[in-house]
Amino acid sequence: MHIQMELQSDVPDTQQQMEQQHFHVLAVDDSPCERKLLERLLRECSCKAVTCVESGDKALEYLNQLDTHQSNSADSTASSSSSKSPQQEGLKVNLIITDYSMPGMSGYDLLKTVKGSSSSWKDIPVVVISSENVPSRISMCLQEGAEEFLLKPLKLSDLKNLQPHLLKSLVHSNKDTNCSTDTGNNDNVVKMNNNVISKRIAMSPEPSERRPKPKELAVV
């Protein structure tokens, strides 16, 4: 009995970790209603900083501004202090959630740009959302490096399932050297969980009636 309790105490509490960290999510959607919904759900998931933009172009513009700001901040504080405040850490984007269909740059184009080999943002997890269950789109996004493909309407439980990706992004931030992106051969497993279509194996699948049913989703 004592051993069992001791083991349970060693298991990390994901929700507690979320509440202790200062995560920053960039939400991209051309619909004002969808942006408000995303922001509300993310804040309920302990995301303390949520930035909403209306297009892929605006998202890239914002990421470039952050890079410039962080570079200037690093130069000005390099000799004064090695510690960073929560506000400084909050500038880093820990997760990008983007709609697939948007005027101008689509969510798929944004994903390809972020995950490009020369991109400074390639370690940022990207989640694509869409109201359309199109197998070819799902397959393309997962192959390009998306962590998840969520089907609208989004629920709080869907975003809570993204917490491991947020925690993983923190590891990338703290260990920039020798960090490898998760684009290996084992990532080509497509798993359906809740209204999430993911290339990762779900730990606790939801009942099958809540899963999307793509018609011929090929596994590469």
N, C-alpha and C. Protein backbone atom coordinates (compact mmCIF):
# COMPACT_ATOMS: atom_id res chain seq x y z
N MET A 1 0.84 -1.20 0.00
CA MET A 1 0.00 0.00 0.00
C MET A 1 0.87 1.26 0.00
N HIS A 2 1.89 1.25 0.84
CA HIS A 2 2.79 2.40 0.91
C HIS A 2 3.57 2.57 -0.38
N ILE A 3 3.97 1.43 -0.96
CA ILE A 3 4.72 1.48 -2.22
C ILE A 3 3.85 2.06 -3.33
N GLN A 4 2.59 1.66 -3.38
CA GLN A 4 1.68 2.15 -4.42
C GLN A 4 1.49 3.65 -4.32
N MET A 5 1.32 4.15 -3.12
CA MET A 5 1.14 5.58 -2.92
C MET A 5 2.40 6.33 -3.31
N GLU A 6 3.55 5.77 -3.04
CA GLU A 6 4.80 6.43 -3.37
C GLU A 6 4.99 6.51 -4.87
N LEU A 7 4.62 5.46 -5.59
CA LEU A 7 4.72 5.47 -7.03
C LEU A 7 3.78 6.50 -7.64
N GLN A 8 2.59 6.61 -7.10
CA GLN A 8 1.63 7.57 -7.62
C GLN A 8 2.13 9.00 -7.44
N SER A 9 2.84 9.24 -6.36
CA SER A 9 3.33 10.60 -6.11
C SER A 9 4.43 10.98 -7.08
N ASP A 10 5.10 9.99 -7.71
CA ASP A 10 6.16 10.27 -8.66
C ASP A 10 5.63 10.54 -10.05
N VAL A 11 4.36 10.21 -10.30
CA VAL A 11 3.77 10.44 -11.62
C VAL A 11 3.51 11.93 -11.81
N PRO A 12 4.08 12.55 -12.85
CA PRO A 12 3.90 13.99 -13.03
C PRO A 12 2.46 14.35 -13.30
N ASP A 13 1.99 15.41 -12.67
CA ASP A 13 0.64 15.90 -12.85
C ASP A 13 0.66 16.90 -14.00
N THR A 14 0.14 16.49 -15.16
CA THR A 14 0.19 17.34 -16.34
C THR A 14 -0.51 18.66 -16.12
N GLN A 15 -1.68 18.62 -15.49
CA GLN A 15 -2.43 19.85 -15.26
C GLN A 15 -1.66 20.79 -14.36
N GLN A 16 -0.99 20.25 -13.34
CA GLN A 16 -0.22 21.09 -12.43
C GLN A 16 0.96 21.72 -13.16
N GLN A 17 1.61 20.95 -14.03
CA GLN A 17 2.70 21.50 -14.82
C GLN A 17 2.21 22.62 -15.73
N MET A 18 1.03 22.43 -16.31
CA MET A 18 0.47 23.45 -17.19
C MET A 18 0.25 24.75 -16.43
N GLU A 19 -0.27 24.64 -15.22
CA GLU A 19 -0.59 25.83 -14.44
C GLU A 19 0.66 26.56 -13.97
N GLN A 20 1.77 25.83 -13.86
CA GLN A 20 3.00 26.44 -13.36
C GLN A 20 3.80 27.11 -14.47
N GLN A 21 3.51 26.80 -15.71
CA GLN A 21 4.27 27.35 -16.82
C GLN A 21 3.52 28.51 -17.48
N HIS A 22 4.29 29.31 -18.22
CA HIS A 22 3.71 30.46 -18.92
C HIS A 22 3.72 30.16 -20.41
N PHE A 23 2.69 29.46 -20.87
CA PHE A 23 2.63 29.05 -22.26
C PHE A 23 2.02 30.13 -23.14
N HIS A 24 2.49 30.19 -24.37
CA HIS A 24 2.03 31.19 -25.33
C HIS A 24 1.57 30.46 -26.60
N VAL A 25 0.31 30.63 -26.95
CA VAL A 25 -0.26 29.97 -28.12
C VAL A 25 -0.62 31.03 -29.16
N LEU A 26 -0.23 30.77 -30.40
CA LEU A 26 -0.60 31.63 -31.52
C LEU A 26 -1.76 30.96 -32.26
N ALA A 27 -2.94 31.60 -32.25
CA ALA A 27 -4.14 31.06 -32.89
C ALA A 27 -4.41 31.83 -34.18
N VAL A 28 -4.59 31.09 -35.28
CA VAL A 28 -4.75 31.70 -36.60
C VAL A 28 -6.07 31.24 -37.21
N ASP A 29 -6.98 32.19 -37.43
CA ASP A 29 -8.27 31.85 -38.03
C ASP A 29 -8.88 33.12 -38.59
N ASP A 30 -9.45 33.05 -39.79
CA ASP A 30 -10.02 34.25 -40.41
C ASP A 30 -11.40 34.59 -39.84
N SER A 31 -11.99 33.69 -39.05
CA SER A 31 -13.31 33.95 -38.47
C SER A 31 -13.17 34.56 -37.07
N PRO A 32 -13.73 35.76 -36.84
CA PRO A 32 -13.65 36.37 -35.51
C PRO A 32 -14.29 35.49 -34.43
N CYS A 33 -15.39 34.83 -34.76
CA CYS A 33 -16.06 33.96 -33.79
C CYS A 33 -15.18 32.78 -33.40
N GLU A 34 -14.53 32.19 -34.40
CA GLU A 34 -13.66 31.05 -34.12
C GLU A 34 -12.45 31.48 -33.29
N ARG A 35 -11.93 32.67 -33.55
CA ARG A 35 -10.79 33.17 -32.77
C ARG A 35 -11.18 33.39 -31.32
N LYS A 36 -12.37 33.94 -31.10
CA LYS A 36 -12.83 34.15 -29.72
C LYS A 36 -13.03 32.82 -29.00
N LEU A 37 -13.59 31.85 -29.70
CA LEU A 37 -13.80 30.53 -29.11
C LEU A 37 -12.46 29.88 -28.76
N LEU A 38 -11.52 29.95 -29.69
CA LEU A 38 -10.19 29.38 -29.46
C LEU A 38 -9.53 30.02 -28.24
N GLU A 39 -9.59 31.33 -28.18
CA GLU A 39 -8.96 32.04 -27.06
C GLU A 39 -9.58 31.63 -25.73
N ARG A 40 -10.91 31.53 -25.71
CA ARG A 40 -11.59 31.16 -24.46
C ARG A 40 -11.22 29.74 -24.02
N LEU A 41 -11.24 28.80 -24.97
CA LEU A 41 -10.92 27.42 -24.63
C LEU A 41 -9.47 27.26 -24.20
N LEU A 42 -8.57 27.97 -24.86
CA LEU A 42 -7.16 27.88 -24.51
C LEU A 42 -6.89 28.43 -23.12
N ARG A 43 -7.55 29.52 -22.78
CA ARG A 43 -7.36 30.08 -21.43
C ARG A 43 -7.93 29.16 -20.36
N GLU A 44 -8.98 28.45 -20.69
CA GLU A 44 -9.52 27.47 -19.76
C GLU A 44 -8.58 26.28 -19.59
N CYS A 45 -7.68 26.11 -20.56
CA CYS A 45 -6.69 25.02 -20.49
C CYS A 45 -5.38 25.49 -19.88
N SER A 46 -5.41 26.60 -19.15
CA SER A 46 -4.25 27.13 -18.44
C SER A 46 -3.21 27.77 -19.35
N CYS A 47 -3.59 28.14 -20.56
CA CYS A 47 -2.69 28.91 -21.42
C CYS A 47 -2.82 30.38 -21.06
N LYS A 48 -1.79 30.93 -20.45
CA LYS A 48 -1.89 32.29 -19.92
C LYS A 48 -1.74 33.36 -20.99
N ALA A 49 -1.12 33.01 -22.11
CA ALA A 49 -0.93 33.98 -23.18
C ALA A 49 -1.45 33.40 -24.50
N VAL A 50 -2.42 34.08 -25.09
CA VAL A 50 -2.99 33.65 -26.37
C VAL A 50 -2.99 34.85 -27.30
N THR A 51 -2.35 34.70 -28.44
CA THR A 51 -2.33 35.74 -29.46
C THR A 51 -3.13 35.26 -30.66
N CYS A 52 -4.12 36.05 -31.07
CA CYS A 52 -4.98 35.67 -32.20
C CYS A 52 -4.72 36.59 -33.39
N VAL A 53 -4.54 35.98 -34.55
CA VAL A 53 -4.39 36.73 -35.79
C VAL A 53 -5.33 36.14 -36.83
N GLU A 54 -5.61 36.93 -37.88
CA GLU A 54 -6.66 36.54 -38.82
C GLU A 54 -6.16 35.90 -40.11
N SER A 55 -4.87 35.72 -40.28
CA SER A 55 -4.37 35.13 -41.52
C SER A 55 -2.99 34.53 -41.34
N GLY A 56 -2.60 33.68 -42.30
CA GLY A 56 -1.27 33.10 -42.27
C GLY A 56 -0.19 34.15 -42.43
N ASP A 57 -0.45 35.15 -43.27
CA ASP A 57 0.52 36.23 -43.45
C ASP A 57 0.75 36.99 -42.16
N LYS A 58 -0.33 37.27 -41.44
CA LYS A 58 -0.21 37.97 -40.15
C LYS A 58 0.54 37.11 -39.13
N ALA A 59 0.33 35.80 -39.19
CA ALA A 59 1.04 34.90 -38.27
C ALA A 59 2.54 34.96 -38.51
N LEU A 60 2.96 34.91 -39.78
CA LEU A 60 4.39 34.99 -40.09
C LEU A 60 4.97 36.35 -39.72
N GLU A 61 4.18 37.39 -39.94
CA GLU A 61 4.62 38.73 -39.55
C GLU A 61 4.84 38.81 -38.04
N TYR A 62 3.92 38.22 -37.29
CA TYR A 62 4.04 38.23 -35.84
C TYR A 62 5.26 37.42 -35.37
N LEU A 63 5.48 36.26 -35.97
CA LEU A 63 6.63 35.43 -35.60
C LEU A 63 7.94 36.15 -35.90
N ASN A 64 7.99 36.84 -37.01
CA ASN A 64 9.20 37.61 -37.35
C ASN A 64 9.43 38.74 -36.36
N GLN A 65 8.36 39.39 -35.93
CA GLN A 65 8.48 40.46 -34.93
C GLN A 65 9.01 39.91 -33.61
N LEU A 66 8.53 38.73 -33.23
CA LEU A 66 9.02 38.12 -31.99
C LEU A 66 10.50 37.77 -32.09
N ASP A 67 10.92 37.26 -33.25
CA ASP A 67 12.33 36.93 -33.44
C ASP A 67 13.20 38.17 -33.28
N THR A 68 12.75 39.26 -33.87
CA THR A 68 13.51 40.52 -33.77
C THR A 68 13.56 41.02 -32.34
N HIS A 69 12.42 40.96 -31.66
CA HIS A 69 12.34 41.41 -30.27
C HIS A 69 13.23 40.57 -29.37
N GLN A 70 13.18 39.26 -29.54
CA GLN A 70 13.98 38.37 -28.71
C GLN A 70 15.47 38.55 -28.96
N SER A 71 15.83 38.80 -30.22
CA SER A 71 17.23 39.03 -30.55
C SER A 71 17.74 40.30 -29.90
N ASN A 72 16.93 41.36 -29.94
CA ASN A 72 17.32 42.62 -29.31
C ASN A 72 17.40 42.48 -27.79
N SER A 73 16.43 41.73 -27.23
CA SER A 73 16.41 41.53 -25.77
C SER A 73 17.62 40.73 -25.32
N ALA A 74 17.99 39.73 -26.11
CA ALA A 74 19.14 38.89 -25.76
C ALA A 74 20.42 39.71 -25.76
N ASP A 75 20.55 40.62 -26.72
CA ASP A 75 21.75 41.46 -26.79
C ASP A 75 21.84 42.41 -25.62
N SER A 76 20.68 42.96 -25.20
CA SER A 76 20.68 43.97 -24.14
C SER A 76 20.80 43.39 -22.74
N THR A 77 20.43 42.10 -22.57
CA THR A 77 20.43 41.51 -21.23
C THR A 77 21.50 40.43 -21.05
N ALA A 78 22.31 40.19 -22.07
CA ALA A 78 23.30 39.11 -22.01
C ALA A 78 24.27 39.29 -20.86
N SER A 79 24.68 40.53 -20.61
CA SER A 79 25.67 40.77 -19.57
C SER A 79 25.06 41.09 -18.21
N SER A 80 23.74 41.32 -18.16
CA SER A 80 23.12 41.74 -16.90
C SER A 80 22.56 40.59 -16.10
N SER A 81 21.90 39.63 -16.77
CA SER A 81 21.26 38.53 -16.03
C SER A 81 21.06 37.33 -16.93
N SER A 82 21.21 36.16 -16.35
CA SER A 82 21.01 34.93 -17.12
C SER A 82 19.61 34.39 -16.95
N SER A 83 18.85 34.92 -15.99
CA SER A 83 17.49 34.44 -15.76
C SER A 83 16.50 35.25 -16.57
N LYS A 84 15.39 34.63 -16.90
CA LYS A 84 14.36 35.28 -17.70
C LYS A 84 13.06 35.33 -16.93
N SER A 85 12.38 36.45 -17.06
CA SER A 85 11.11 36.62 -16.38
C SER A 85 10.02 35.86 -17.12
N PRO A 86 8.87 35.61 -16.45
CA PRO A 86 7.76 34.96 -17.15
C PRO A 86 7.31 35.73 -18.38
N GLN A 87 7.40 37.09 -18.30
CA GLN A 87 6.98 37.89 -19.44
C GLN A 87 7.89 37.65 -20.64
N GLN A 88 9.22 37.52 -20.37
CA GLN A 88 10.15 37.27 -21.46
C GLN A 88 9.94 35.88 -22.04
N GLU A 89 9.73 34.90 -21.16
CA GLU A 89 9.50 33.54 -21.64
C GLU A 89 8.20 33.47 -22.43
N GLY A 90 7.22 34.29 -22.02
CA GLY A 90 5.92 34.25 -22.67
C GLY A 90 5.95 34.73 -24.11
N LEU A 91 7.04 35.44 -24.49
CA LEU A 91 7.15 35.88 -25.87
C LEU A 91 7.32 34.71 -26.81
N LYS A 92 7.94 33.65 -26.34
CA LYS A 92 8.14 32.49 -27.20
C LYS A 92 6.81 31.81 -27.48
N VAL A 93 6.57 31.49 -28.73
CA VAL A 93 5.35 30.77 -29.09
C VAL A 93 5.58 29.28 -28.86
N ASN A 94 4.75 28.67 -28.02
CA ASN A 94 4.89 27.26 -27.68
C ASN A 94 4.01 26.35 -28.54
N LEU A 95 3.02 26.95 -29.22
CA LEU A 95 2.11 26.15 -30.04
C LEU A 95 1.42 27.07 -31.04
N ILE A 96 1.26 26.58 -32.27
CA ILE A 96 0.50 27.31 -33.29
C ILE A 96 -0.73 26.46 -33.65
N ILE A 97 -1.90 27.08 -33.56
CA ILE A 97 -3.14 26.44 -34.00
C ILE A 97 -3.67 27.24 -35.17
N THR A 98 -3.80 26.61 -36.32
CA THR A 98 -4.22 27.35 -37.51
C THR A 98 -5.37 26.66 -38.23
N ASP A 99 -6.30 27.47 -38.70
CA ASP A 99 -7.36 26.97 -39.55
C ASP A 99 -6.75 26.56 -40.89
N TYR A 100 -7.35 25.57 -41.53
CA TYR A 100 -6.83 25.11 -42.83
C TYR A 100 -7.23 26.07 -43.95
N SER A 101 -8.51 26.39 -44.03
CA SER A 101 -9.02 27.20 -45.15
C SER A 101 -9.10 28.66 -44.73
N MET A 102 -8.24 29.50 -45.33
CA MET A 102 -8.26 30.93 -45.07
C MET A 102 -7.94 31.66 -46.36
N PRO A 103 -8.44 32.89 -46.53
CA PRO A 103 -8.09 33.68 -47.70
C PRO A 103 -6.59 33.94 -47.74
N GLY A 104 -6.02 33.99 -48.93
CA GLY A 104 -4.58 34.22 -49.03
C GLY A 104 -3.81 32.96 -48.67
N MET A 105 -2.92 33.08 -47.69
CA MET A 105 -2.13 31.94 -47.26
C MET A 105 -2.99 30.98 -46.45
N SER A 106 -3.07 29.74 -46.89
CA SER A 106 -3.86 28.73 -46.18
C SER A 106 -3.09 28.22 -44.97
N GLY A 107 -3.81 27.49 -44.11
CA GLY A 107 -3.14 26.89 -42.96
C GLY A 107 -2.08 25.88 -43.38
N TYR A 108 -2.31 25.22 -44.49
CA TYR A 108 -1.33 24.26 -45.00
C TYR A 108 -0.06 24.96 -45.45
N ASP A 109 -0.21 26.10 -46.12
CA ASP A 109 0.97 26.88 -46.55
C ASP A 109 1.72 27.43 -45.33
N LEU A 110 0.98 27.85 -44.33
CA LEU A 110 1.62 28.33 -43.10
C LEU A 110 2.40 27.20 -42.43
N LEU A 111 1.80 26.03 -42.38
CA LEU A 111 2.46 24.87 -41.80
C LEU A 111 3.77 24.57 -42.52
N LYS A 112 3.74 24.56 -43.87
CA LYS A 112 4.95 24.26 -44.64
C LYS A 112 6.04 25.31 -44.39
N THR A 113 5.65 26.55 -44.25
CA THR A 113 6.63 27.61 -44.00
C THR A 113 7.26 27.45 -42.62
N VAL A 114 6.43 27.20 -41.61
CA VAL A 114 6.93 27.05 -40.24
C VAL A 114 7.84 25.84 -40.12
N LYS A 115 7.48 24.76 -40.79
CA LYS A 115 8.23 23.51 -40.67
C LYS A 115 9.34 23.37 -41.71
N GLY A 116 9.58 24.42 -42.49
CA GLY A 116 10.63 24.36 -43.50
C GLY A 116 12.00 24.11 -42.90
N SER A 117 12.88 23.48 -43.67
CA SER A 117 14.19 23.09 -43.15
C SER A 117 15.03 24.26 -42.69
N SER A 118 14.83 25.43 -43.30
CA SER A 118 15.61 26.61 -42.92
C SER A 118 14.86 27.51 -41.94
N SER A 119 13.71 27.06 -41.48
CA SER A 119 12.88 27.88 -40.59
C SER A 119 13.42 27.87 -39.17
N SER A 120 13.38 29.01 -38.52
CA SER A 120 13.80 29.10 -37.11
C SER A 120 12.66 28.68 -36.17
N TRP A 121 11.49 28.38 -36.77
CA TRP A 121 10.31 28.02 -35.95
C TRP A 121 9.95 26.54 -36.09
N LYS A 122 10.81 25.74 -36.72
CA LYS A 122 10.42 24.37 -37.06
C LYS A 122 10.17 23.49 -35.84
N ASP A 123 10.66 23.89 -34.65
CA ASP A 123 10.42 23.09 -33.45
C ASP A 123 9.10 23.46 -32.77
N ILE A 124 8.41 24.48 -33.26
CA ILE A 124 7.13 24.85 -32.66
C ILE A 124 6.06 23.87 -33.12
N PRO A 125 5.36 23.19 -32.22
CA PRO A 125 4.28 22.28 -32.63
C PRO A 125 3.17 23.05 -33.35
N VAL A 126 2.65 22.46 -34.41
CA VAL A 126 1.56 23.08 -35.19
C VAL A 126 0.37 22.14 -35.22
N VAL A 127 -0.80 22.68 -34.93
CA VAL A 127 -2.05 21.93 -34.99
C VAL A 127 -2.95 22.59 -36.03
N VAL A 128 -3.48 21.80 -36.94
CA VAL A 128 -4.36 22.32 -37.99
C VAL A 128 -5.80 21.99 -37.63
N ILE A 129 -6.70 22.95 -37.83
CA ILE A 129 -8.12 22.73 -37.55
C ILE A 129 -8.93 23.00 -38.82
N SER A 130 -10.07 22.32 -38.92
CA SER A 130 -10.90 22.50 -40.11
C SER A 130 -12.31 22.01 -39.82
N SER A 131 -13.27 22.60 -40.51
CA SER A 131 -14.66 22.14 -40.41
C SER A 131 -14.95 21.05 -41.44
N GLU A 132 -13.99 20.79 -42.32
CA GLU A 132 -14.17 19.81 -43.39
C GLU A 132 -13.28 18.60 -43.16
N ASN A 133 -13.88 17.43 -43.19
CA ASN A 133 -13.16 16.17 -42.99
C ASN A 133 -12.73 15.62 -44.34
N VAL A 134 -11.62 16.14 -44.86
CA VAL A 134 -11.12 15.77 -46.19
C VAL A 134 -9.85 14.94 -46.01
N PRO A 135 -9.90 13.64 -46.29
CA PRO A 135 -8.74 12.76 -46.04
C PRO A 135 -7.44 13.23 -46.69
N SER A 136 -7.51 13.74 -47.91
CA SER A 136 -6.27 14.18 -48.59
C SER A 136 -5.62 15.34 -47.85
N ARG A 137 -6.43 16.25 -47.32
CA ARG A 137 -5.89 17.38 -46.56
C ARG A 137 -5.26 16.89 -45.26
N ILE A 138 -5.95 15.99 -44.60
CA ILE A 138 -5.44 15.46 -43.34
C ILE A 138 -4.08 14.80 -43.55
N SER A 139 -4.00 13.97 -44.59
CA SER A 139 -2.76 13.26 -44.88
C SER A 139 -1.62 14.23 -45.20
N MET A 140 -1.91 15.25 -46.00
CA MET A 140 -0.88 16.22 -46.37
C MET A 140 -0.35 16.96 -45.15
N CYS A 141 -1.25 17.38 -44.27
CA CYS A 141 -0.84 18.14 -43.09
C CYS A 141 0.01 17.30 -42.15
N LEU A 142 -0.39 16.05 -41.94
CA LEU A 142 0.40 15.19 -41.06
C LEU A 142 1.77 14.90 -41.66
N GLN A 143 1.84 14.73 -42.96
CA GLN A 143 3.12 14.47 -43.61
C GLN A 143 4.03 15.68 -43.56
N GLU A 144 3.45 16.87 -43.53
CA GLU A 144 4.25 18.09 -43.48
C GLU A 144 4.70 18.44 -42.06
N GLY A 145 4.24 17.66 -41.07
CA GLY A 145 4.74 17.88 -39.72
C GLY A 145 3.73 18.36 -38.70
N ALA A 146 2.44 18.43 -39.07
CA ALA A 146 1.42 18.83 -38.10
C ALA A 146 1.33 17.79 -36.99
N GLU A 147 1.17 18.26 -35.76
CA GLU A 147 1.04 17.34 -34.62
C GLU A 147 -0.34 16.70 -34.59
N GLU A 148 -1.35 17.49 -34.89
CA GLU A 148 -2.73 17.00 -34.84
C GLU A 148 -3.53 17.67 -35.96
N PHE A 149 -4.65 17.04 -36.30
CA PHE A 149 -5.63 17.65 -37.21
C PHE A 149 -6.97 17.58 -36.48
N LEU A 150 -7.46 18.73 -36.02
CA LEU A 150 -8.70 18.79 -35.25
C LEU A 150 -9.88 19.19 -36.12
N LEU A 151 -10.99 18.54 -35.90
CA LEU A 151 -12.21 18.87 -36.63
C LEU A 151 -13.11 19.78 -35.80
N LYS A 152 -13.58 20.83 -36.42
CA LYS A 152 -14.51 21.74 -35.76
C LYS A 152 -15.89 21.09 -35.68
N PRO A 153 -16.71 21.50 -34.71
CA PRO A 153 -16.46 22.49 -33.67
C PRO A 153 -15.54 21.95 -32.58
N LEU A 154 -14.64 22.78 -32.13
CA LEU A 154 -13.69 22.38 -31.10
C LEU A 154 -14.36 22.30 -29.74
N LYS A 155 -13.87 21.38 -28.92
CA LYS A 155 -14.35 21.23 -27.55
C LYS A 155 -13.17 21.43 -26.59
N LEU A 156 -13.49 21.69 -25.35
CA LEU A 156 -12.46 21.88 -24.34
C LEU A 156 -11.57 20.64 -24.23
N SER A 157 -12.18 19.46 -24.32
CA SER A 157 -11.41 18.22 -24.21
C SER A 157 -10.40 18.09 -25.35
N ASP A 158 -10.73 18.62 -26.54
CA ASP A 158 -9.79 18.56 -27.66
C ASP A 158 -8.52 19.33 -27.36
N LEU A 159 -8.68 20.52 -26.78
CA LEU A 159 -7.52 21.35 -26.49
C LEU A 159 -6.74 20.84 -25.29
N LYS A 160 -7.43 20.21 -24.35
CA LYS A 160 -6.70 19.61 -23.23
C LYS A 160 -5.80 18.49 -23.71
N ASN A 161 -6.20 17.81 -24.78
CA ASN A 161 -5.37 16.75 -25.35
C ASN A 161 -4.09 17.29 -25.97
N LEU A 162 -4.01 18.61 -26.16
CA LEU A 162 -2.81 19.21 -26.74
C LEU A 162 -1.77 19.56 -25.70
N GLN A 163 -2.08 19.39 -24.42
CA GLN A 163 -1.16 19.77 -23.36
C GLN A 163 0.21 19.09 -23.46
N PRO A 164 0.29 17.81 -23.84
CA PRO A 164 1.62 17.20 -23.99
C PRO A 164 2.49 17.91 -25.03
N HIS A 165 1.87 18.45 -26.10
CA HIS A 165 2.64 19.16 -27.11
C HIS A 165 3.18 20.47 -26.54
N LEU A 166 2.40 21.13 -25.68
CA LEU A 166 2.87 22.35 -25.04
C LEU A 166 4.06 22.07 -24.13
N LEU A 167 3.94 20.99 -23.37
CA LEU A 167 5.03 20.62 -22.46
C LEU A 167 6.28 20.23 -23.25
N LYS A 168 6.07 19.56 -24.38
CA LYS A 168 7.21 19.17 -25.22
C LYS A 168 7.90 20.41 -25.78
N SER A 169 7.12 21.43 -26.12
CA SER A 169 7.72 22.65 -26.66
C SER A 169 8.60 23.33 -25.64
N LEU A 170 8.26 23.15 -24.37
CA LEU A 170 9.08 23.73 -23.30
C LEU A 170 10.44 23.07 -23.26
N VAL A 171 10.49 21.78 -23.52
CA VAL A 171 11.76 21.06 -23.55
C VAL A 171 12.62 21.58 -24.69
N HIS A 172 12.00 21.83 -25.85
CA HIS A 172 12.75 22.37 -26.98
C HIS A 172 13.30 23.75 -26.66
N SER A 173 12.54 24.55 -25.91
CA SER A 173 12.98 25.90 -25.57
C SER A 173 14.17 25.86 -24.62
N ASN A 174 14.15 24.91 -23.68
CA ASN A 174 15.21 24.83 -22.69
C ASN A 174 16.45 24.12 -23.20
N LYS A 175 16.28 23.28 -24.22
CA LYS A 175 17.41 22.52 -24.77
C LYS A 175 17.45 22.72 -26.28
N ASP A 176 17.98 23.88 -26.68
CA ASP A 176 18.00 24.21 -28.10
C ASP A 176 19.01 23.36 -28.87
N THR A 177 20.07 22.96 -28.20
CA THR A 177 21.11 22.22 -28.89
C THR A 177 20.77 20.75 -28.96
N ASN A 178 21.11 20.15 -30.09
CA ASN A 178 20.92 18.72 -30.31
C ASN A 178 19.47 18.28 -30.14
N CYS A 179 18.52 19.17 -30.40
CA CYS A 179 17.11 18.80 -30.34
C CYS A 179 16.68 18.35 -31.73
N SER A 180 16.06 17.21 -31.81
CA SER A 180 15.60 16.72 -33.10
C SER A 180 14.10 16.86 -33.18
N THR A 181 13.61 17.24 -34.37
CA THR A 181 12.18 17.37 -34.55
C THR A 181 11.56 16.00 -34.72
N ASP A 182 10.28 15.87 -34.36
CA ASP A 182 9.60 14.58 -34.41
C ASP A 182 9.04 14.32 -35.81
N THR A 183 9.93 14.10 -36.75
CA THR A 183 9.48 13.83 -38.12
C THR A 183 10.07 12.52 -38.62
N GLY A 184 10.31 11.59 -37.72
CA GLY A 184 10.91 10.31 -38.08
C GLY A 184 9.92 9.36 -38.69
N ASN A 185 10.39 8.13 -38.98
CA ASN A 185 9.54 7.15 -39.63
C ASN A 185 8.38 6.71 -38.77
N ASN A 186 8.55 6.77 -37.44
CA ASN A 186 7.49 6.30 -36.56
C ASN A 186 6.31 7.25 -36.49
N ASP A 187 6.43 8.44 -37.11
CA ASP A 187 5.36 9.42 -37.04
C ASP A 187 4.29 9.20 -38.10
N ASN A 188 4.46 8.20 -38.94
CA ASN A 188 3.52 8.00 -40.03
C ASN A 188 2.36 7.11 -39.64
N VAL A 189 2.09 7.00 -38.34
CA VAL A 189 0.96 6.22 -37.86
C VAL A 189 -0.19 7.17 -37.62
N VAL A 190 -1.29 7.00 -38.32
CA VAL A 190 -2.44 7.87 -38.18
C VAL A 190 -3.41 7.23 -37.20
N LYS A 191 -3.77 7.97 -36.15
CA LYS A 191 -4.65 7.45 -35.11
C LYS A 191 -5.81 8.41 -34.93
N MET A 192 -7.00 7.88 -34.79
CA MET A 192 -8.18 8.71 -34.60
C MET A 192 -8.57 8.68 -33.13
N ASN A 193 -8.71 9.88 -32.52
CA ASN A 193 -9.02 9.98 -31.10
C ASN A 193 -9.92 11.19 -30.88
N ASN A 194 -11.14 10.93 -30.38
CA ASN A 194 -12.11 12.00 -30.18
C ASN A 194 -12.41 12.60 -31.55
N ASN A 195 -12.34 13.94 -31.73
CA ASN A 195 -12.44 14.47 -33.07
C ASN A 195 -11.06 14.94 -33.52
N VAL A 196 -10.03 14.20 -33.06
CA VAL A 196 -8.65 14.49 -33.40
C VAL A 196 -8.11 13.40 -34.32
N ILE A 197 -7.45 13.80 -35.38
CA ILE A 197 -6.75 12.84 -36.22
C ILE A 197 -5.28 13.15 -36.06
N SER A 198 -4.54 12.23 -35.46
CA SER A 198 -3.17 12.49 -35.06
C SER A 198 -2.23 11.48 -35.64
N LYS A 199 -0.96 11.89 -35.80
CA LYS A 199 0.05 10.94 -36.23
C LYS A 199 0.69 10.27 -35.04
N ARG A 200 0.22 10.56 -33.82
CA ARG A 200 0.77 9.97 -32.62
C ARG A 200 -0.25 9.03 -32.01
N ILE A 201 0.21 8.04 -31.29
CA ILE A 201 -0.67 7.05 -30.69
C ILE A 201 -1.34 7.66 -29.47
N ALA A 202 -2.66 7.64 -29.43
CA ALA A 202 -3.40 8.21 -28.30
C ALA A 202 -3.27 7.31 -27.09
N MET A 203 -3.11 7.93 -25.90
CA MET A 203 -2.94 7.16 -24.67
C MET A 203 -4.26 6.65 -24.15
N SER A 204 -5.32 7.43 -24.32
CA SER A 204 -6.62 7.00 -23.80
C SER A 204 -7.70 7.36 -24.81
N PRO A 205 -7.95 6.51 -25.80
CA PRO A 205 -8.90 6.83 -26.86
C PRO A 205 -10.30 7.05 -26.33
N GLU A 206 -11.01 7.96 -27.00
CA GLU A 206 -12.40 8.23 -26.65
C GLU A 206 -13.28 7.16 -27.31
N PRO A 207 -14.55 7.06 -26.91
CA PRO A 207 -15.47 6.11 -27.55
C PRO A 207 -15.51 6.31 -29.05
N SER A 208 -15.69 5.20 -29.76
CA SER A 208 -15.57 5.25 -31.22
C SER A 208 -16.64 6.12 -31.88
N GLU A 209 -17.79 6.30 -31.22
CA GLU A 209 -18.85 7.07 -31.88
C GLU A 209 -18.49 8.55 -31.99
N ARG A 210 -17.48 9.02 -31.23
CA ARG A 210 -17.10 10.41 -31.29
C ARG A 210 -15.92 10.64 -32.22
N ARG A 211 -15.43 9.58 -32.86
CA ARG A 211 -14.27 9.73 -33.72
C ARG A 211 -14.70 10.10 -35.13
N PRO A 212 -13.90 10.93 -35.81
CA PRO A 212 -14.20 11.20 -37.22
C PRO A 212 -13.93 9.96 -38.04
N LYS A 213 -14.62 9.82 -39.15
CA LYS A 213 -14.46 8.64 -39.98
C LYS A 213 -14.04 9.03 -41.40
N PRO A 214 -12.76 9.35 -41.58
CA PRO A 214 -12.31 9.66 -42.95
C PRO A 214 -12.42 8.44 -43.84
N LYS A 215 -12.74 8.69 -45.10
CA LYS A 215 -13.07 7.57 -45.96
C LYS A 215 -11.85 6.81 -46.40
N GLU A 216 -10.84 7.11 -46.74
CA GLU A 216 -9.73 6.24 -47.09
C GLU A 216 -8.46 6.99 -46.76
N LEU A 217 -8.19 7.10 -45.51
CA LEU A 217 -7.03 7.85 -45.08
C LEU A 217 -5.81 6.96 -45.18
N ALA A 218 -4.99 7.19 -46.15
CA ALA A 218 -3.84 6.31 -46.39
C ALA A 218 -2.74 6.60 -45.41
N VAL A 219 -2.11 5.53 -44.95
CA VAL A 219 -0.96 5.64 -44.05
C VAL A 219 0.29 5.44 -44.89
N VAL A 220 1.12 6.47 -44.93
CA VAL A 220 2.33 6.40 -45.76
C VAL A 220 3.41 5.64 -45.01
